[in-house]
Amino acid sequence: MVKINLTLYTHYRKIHNWNDKIFAKKLGFSHAYLSRLLNSQRAPSSYFIEKYLDFTHFVFEQAFVCNGDPSYQQSNYPKFNGEKRYNEFGERGEEKS
């Protein structure tokens, strides 16, 4: 799941006077997808992708975390056992084997 850094999000909204549609376009997201991210801000503890905005280059860093929590087995989030995974934009990708 993608997690938006709300501090940097607020910074770009104020400094550059971006609305959510412009912000979503800069990130390569749809406006609806960005809205869902901002409304939920929940990522599974077992596996998530955090993307942080770089102030100068507008670049993402990705952090992959799997803490071995057995509860992720029942979740609908991507696993490391051949189930569907999310792509770099947090959308369901093709099934991995």
C-alpha atoms as a PDB file:
ATOM      1  CA  MET A   1       0.000   0.000   0.000  1.00  0.00           C
ATOM      2  CA  VAL A   2       1.236   3.462  -0.745  1.00  0.00           C
ATOM      3  CA  LYS A   3       1.510   5.885   2.157  1.00  0.00           C
ATOM      4  CA  ILE A   4       1.611   9.618   1.484  1.00  0.00           C
ATOM      5  CA  ASN A   5       3.926  11.695   3.672  1.00  0.00           C
ATOM      6  CA  LEU A   6       1.342  14.204   4.878  1.00  0.00           C
ATOM      7  CA  THR A   7       3.934  16.789   5.963  1.00  0.00           C
ATOM      8  CA  LEU A   8       5.414  16.978   2.471  1.00  0.00           C
ATOM      9  CA  TYR A   9       1.958  16.778   0.923  1.00  0.00           C
ATOM     10  CA  THR A  10       0.926  19.856   2.946  1.00  0.00           C
ATOM     11  CA  HIS A  11       4.186  21.599   1.995  1.00  0.00           C
ATOM     12  CA  TYR A  12       3.582  21.129  -1.729  1.00  0.00           C
ATOM     13  CA  ARG A  13      -0.063  22.172  -1.396  1.00  0.00           C
ATOM     14  CA  LYS A  14       0.905  25.437   0.338  1.00  0.00           C
ATOM     15  CA  ILE A  15       4.186  26.381  -1.362  1.00  0.00           C
ATOM     16  CA  HIS A  16       3.214  25.476  -4.936  1.00  0.00           C
ATOM     17  CA  ASN A  17      -0.523  26.138  -4.544  1.00  0.00           C
ATOM     18  CA  TRP A  18      -1.358  22.679  -5.924  1.00  0.00           C
ATOM     19  CA  ASN A  19      -4.850  21.294  -5.591  1.00  0.00           C
ATOM     20  CA  ASP A  20      -5.431  17.541  -5.245  1.00  0.00           C
ATOM     21  CA  LYS A  21      -5.903  17.051  -8.996  1.00  0.00           C
ATOM     22  CA  ILE A  22      -2.524  18.656  -9.780  1.00  0.00           C
ATOM     23  CA  PHE A  23      -0.853  16.767  -6.931  1.00  0.00           C
ATOM     24  CA  ALA A  24      -2.294  13.459  -8.163  1.00  0.00           C
ATOM     25  CA  LYS A  25      -1.105  14.169 -11.715  1.00  0.00           C
ATOM     26  CA  LYS A  26       2.440  14.947 -10.491  1.00  0.00           C
ATOM     27  CA  LEU A  27       2.475  11.626  -8.608  1.00  0.00           C
ATOM     28  CA  GLY A  28       1.101   9.717 -11.570  1.00  0.00           C
ATOM     29  CA  PHE A  29      -2.062   8.754  -9.663  1.00  0.00           C
ATOM     30  CA  SER A  30      -5.685   9.262 -10.547  1.00  0.00           C
ATOM     31  CA  HIS A  31      -7.486  11.855  -8.452  1.00  0.00           C
ATOM     32  CA  ALA A  32      -9.799   9.149  -7.075  1.00  0.00           C
ATOM     33  CA  TYR A  33      -6.852   6.947  -6.058  1.00  0.00           C
ATOM     34  CA  LEU A  34      -5.121   9.843  -4.266  1.00  0.00           C
ATOM     35  CA  SER A  35      -8.374  10.622  -2.443  1.00  0.00           C
ATOM     36  CA  ARG A  36      -8.643   7.004  -1.263  1.00  0.00           C
ATOM     37  CA  LEU A  37      -5.037   7.092  -0.028  1.00  0.00           C
ATOM     38  CA  LEU A  38      -5.502  10.328   1.871  1.00  0.00           C
ATOM     39  CA  ASN A  39      -8.786   9.136   3.380  1.00  0.00           C
ATOM     40  CA  SER A  40      -7.487   5.771   4.546  1.00  0.00           C
ATOM     41  CA  GLN A  41      -3.779   6.247   5.391  1.00  0.00           C
ATOM     42  CA  ARG A  42      -3.774   2.640   6.570  1.00  0.00           C
ATOM     43  CA  ALA A  43      -1.059   0.245   5.528  1.00  0.00           C
ATOM     44  CA  PRO A  44      -0.818  -3.394   6.597  1.00  0.00           C
ATOM     45  CA  SER A  45       1.894  -3.994   9.176  1.00  0.00           C
ATOM     46  CA  SER A  46       3.138  -7.080   7.367  1.00  0.00           C
ATOM     47  CA  TYR A  47       3.863  -5.598   3.935  1.00  0.00           C
ATOM     48  CA  PHE A  48       3.702  -2.039   2.723  1.00  0.00           C
ATOM     49  CA  ILE A  49       5.374   0.445   0.424  1.00  0.00           C
ATOM     50  CA  GLU A  50       6.086   3.932   1.711  1.00  0.00           C
ATOM     51  CA  LYS A  51       6.805   6.613  -0.853  1.00  0.00           C
ATOM     52  CA  TYR A  52       8.354   9.859   0.308  1.00  0.00           C
ATOM     53  CA  LEU A  53       8.594  12.984  -1.796  1.00  0.00           C
ATOM     54  CA  ASP A  54      12.046  14.473  -2.248  1.00  0.00           C
ATOM     55  CA  PHE A  55      11.885  18.275  -1.982  1.00  0.00           C
ATOM     56  CA  THR A  56      14.324  18.973  -4.794  1.00  0.00           C
ATOM     57  CA  HIS A  57      13.922  16.127  -7.261  1.00  0.00           C
ATOM     58  CA  PHE A  58      10.367  14.965  -6.583  1.00  0.00           C
ATOM     59  CA  VAL A  59      11.664  11.425  -6.329  1.00  0.00           C
ATOM     60  CA  PHE A  60      10.203   8.462  -4.474  1.00  0.00           C
ATOM     61  CA  GLU A  61      11.921   6.117  -2.084  1.00  0.00           C
ATOM     62  CA  GLN A  62      10.371   2.714  -1.557  1.00  0.00           C
ATOM     63  CA  ALA A  63      10.632   0.762   1.664  1.00  0.00           C
ATOM     64  CA  PHE A  64       9.443  -2.828   1.736  1.00  0.00           C
ATOM     65  CA  VAL A  65       8.642  -4.207   5.165  1.00  0.00           C
ATOM     66  CA  CYS A  66       7.596  -7.695   6.171  1.00  0.00           C
ATOM     67  CA  ASN A  67       7.588  -8.172   9.933  1.00  0.00           C
ATOM     68  CA  GLY A  68       6.493 -11.812   9.998  1.00  0.00           C
ATOM     69  CA  ASP A  69       3.093 -10.992  11.493  1.00  0.00           C
ATOM     70  CA  PRO A  70       0.880 -14.079  10.914  1.00  0.00           C
ATOM     71  CA  SER A  71      -2.255 -11.917  10.655  1.00  0.00           C
ATOM     72  CA  TYR A  72      -1.266 -10.888   7.116  1.00  0.00           C
ATOM     73  CA  GLN A  73      -2.162 -14.414   5.959  1.00  0.00           C
ATOM     74  CA  GLN A  74      -5.858 -13.543   6.267  1.00  0.00           C
ATOM     75  CA  SER A  75      -5.546 -10.108   4.691  1.00  0.00           C
ATOM     76  CA  ASN A  76      -6.068  -9.241   1.043  1.00  0.00           C
ATOM     77  CA  TYR A  77      -2.676  -7.562   0.828  1.00  0.00           C
ATOM     78  CA  PRO A  78       0.152  -8.944  -1.324  1.00  0.00           C
ATOM     79  CA  LYS A  79       2.152 -11.841   0.044  1.00  0.00           C
ATOM     80  CA  PHE A  80       5.452 -13.442  -0.865  1.00  0.00           C
ATOM     81  CA  ASN A  81       3.838 -16.788  -1.731  1.00  0.00           C
ATOM     82  CA  GLY A  82       2.708 -16.260  -5.314  1.00  0.00           C
ATOM     83  CA  GLU A  83      -0.427 -14.215  -4.704  1.00  0.00           C
ATOM     84  CA  LYS A  84      -1.082 -10.969  -6.510  1.00  0.00           C
ATOM     85  CA  ARG A  85       1.178  -8.087  -5.579  1.00  0.00           C
ATOM     86  CA  TYR A  86       0.827  -4.342  -5.831  1.00  0.00           C
ATOM     87  CA  ASN A  87       2.771  -2.352  -8.399  1.00  0.00           C
ATOM     88  CA  GLU A  88       4.715   0.810  -7.609  1.00  0.00           C
ATOM     89  CA  PHE A  89       1.498   2.839  -7.595  1.00  0.00           C
ATOM     90  CA  GLY A  90      -0.248   0.601  -5.061  1.00  0.00           C
ATOM     91  CA  GLU A  91      -2.525  -0.980  -7.647  1.00  0.00           C
ATOM     92  CA  ARG A  92      -3.005  -4.715  -8.042  1.00  0.00           C
ATOM     93  CA  GLY A  93      -0.536  -6.162 -10.503  1.00  0.00           C
ATOM     94  CA  GLU A  94      -0.255  -9.478 -12.282  1.00  0.00           C
ATOM     95  CA  GLU A  95       0.030 -12.626 -10.250  1.00  0.00           C
ATOM     96  CA  LYS A  96       3.624 -13.547  -9.432  1.00  0.00           C
ATOM     97  CA  SER A  97       4.803 -17.134  -9.328  1.00  0.00           C
END
